[in-house]
Amino acid sequence: MSSSAYPDWRTFMATSFAARRAFPLVAPETPSFLGQAVAMTAADLKGADVVVIGAPYVAAQDGLYAGVPMEEWVSAPKRVRQQSARYPSG
């Protein structure tokens, strides 16, 4: 799936499961995983059982890794977070 085929954030927010909700954002158009609170300091992590960190990395000389454009690999954490917003219970 190319980047242009993936729905943009405005389209996502117009869907029935997102239209009436607000999501904590870690970056523009990137909600927190499962809509959970965003930790800004080490103190915010106190008592956490699980922490999700999305840090994409891909290296390829020709712009492809395993036949997939590098831009697709780099956007994976953002897309996972966007799709996780479908599950309001966290």
Protein backbone atom coordinates (compact mmCIF):
# COMPACT_ATOMS: atom_id res chain seq x y z
CA MET A 1 0.00 0.00 0.00
CA SER A 2 1.50 3.33 -0.96
CA SER A 3 1.39 6.41 1.25
CA SER A 4 -1.13 8.03 -1.06
CA ALA A 5 -3.55 5.11 -0.58
CA TYR A 6 -3.53 5.37 3.21
CA PRO A 7 -6.34 7.59 4.57
CA ASP A 8 -5.14 10.93 5.86
CA TRP A 9 -5.84 12.07 9.44
CA ARG A 10 -8.74 14.32 8.41
CA THR A 11 -10.47 11.38 6.74
CA PHE A 12 -9.79 9.17 9.76
CA MET A 13 -11.22 11.76 12.17
CA ALA A 14 -14.42 11.96 10.08
CA THR A 15 -15.22 8.28 10.68
CA SER A 16 -17.98 7.28 13.08
CA PHE A 17 -15.59 5.90 15.72
CA ALA A 18 -13.35 8.98 15.77
CA ALA A 19 -15.57 11.97 15.01
CA ARG A 20 -16.72 12.63 18.57
CA ARG A 21 -13.46 11.86 20.38
CA ALA A 22 -10.32 13.73 21.26
CA PHE A 23 -7.03 11.88 21.28
CA PRO A 24 -3.82 12.75 23.13
CA LEU A 25 -1.27 13.45 20.40
CA VAL A 26 2.45 12.62 20.45
CA ALA A 27 2.96 14.57 17.20
CA PRO A 28 0.66 16.17 14.63
CA GLU A 29 -1.76 13.54 13.30
CA THR A 30 -0.22 10.92 15.63
CA PRO A 31 -2.41 9.93 18.58
CA SER A 32 -1.02 8.11 21.57
CA PHE A 33 -1.28 4.32 21.44
CA LEU A 34 -4.84 3.27 22.34
CA GLY A 35 -5.59 6.88 23.26
CA GLN A 36 -3.71 6.59 26.54
CA ALA A 37 -2.01 9.45 28.36
CA VAL A 38 1.30 10.67 26.96
CA ALA A 39 4.25 10.56 29.36
CA MET A 40 6.26 13.76 29.21
CA THR A 41 8.60 13.12 32.14
CA ALA A 42 10.09 10.12 33.92
CA ALA A 43 7.66 10.78 36.79
CA ASP A 44 4.75 10.21 34.37
CA LEU A 45 5.97 6.62 33.95
CA LYS A 46 5.72 5.79 37.65
CA GLY A 47 3.42 2.83 38.15
CA ALA A 48 3.20 2.02 34.45
CA ASP A 49 3.05 -1.67 33.61
CA VAL A 50 3.69 -1.10 29.90
CA VAL A 51 5.18 1.74 27.86
CA VAL A 52 4.89 1.90 24.06
CA ILE A 53 7.65 3.70 22.19
CA GLY A 54 7.57 3.94 18.41
CA ALA A 55 10.97 4.67 16.96
CA PRO A 56 11.19 3.63 13.32
CA TYR A 57 14.51 2.86 11.74
CA VAL A 58 15.29 1.44 8.34
CA ALA A 59 18.46 1.61 6.29
CA ALA A 60 18.60 0.80 2.61
CA GLN A 61 20.86 2.02 -0.13
CA ASP A 62 18.25 1.98 -2.91
CA GLY A 63 15.28 3.42 -0.97
CA LEU A 64 13.68 -0.01 -0.51
CA TYR A 65 13.90 -2.51 2.32
CA ALA A 66 12.44 -5.96 1.66
CA GLY A 67 10.81 -4.46 -1.43
CA VAL A 68 8.94 -1.80 0.58
CA PRO A 69 9.74 1.93 0.26
CA MET A 70 11.58 3.32 3.29
CA GLU A 71 8.86 5.95 3.82
CA GLU A 72 6.37 3.16 4.54
CA TRP A 73 8.61 1.64 7.23
CA VAL A 74 9.20 5.02 8.85
CA SER A 75 5.47 5.77 9.00
CA ALA A 76 4.60 2.46 10.70
CA PRO A 77 4.47 3.71 14.35
CA LYS A 78 2.23 6.60 13.31
CA ARG A 79 -0.12 4.28 11.45
CA VAL A 80 -0.27 1.76 14.30
CA ARG A 81 -1.16 4.55 16.71
CA GLN A 82 -3.80 5.93 14.33
CA GLN A 83 -5.43 2.53 13.98
CA SER A 84 -5.24 1.85 17.73
CA ALA A 85 -7.51 4.87 18.23
CA ARG A 86 -10.34 2.63 17.01
CA TYR A 87 -10.30 0.88 20.40
CA PRO A 88 -11.60 3.44 22.90
CA SER A 89 -11.21 1.25 25.97
CA GLY A 90 -7.41 1.25 25.76
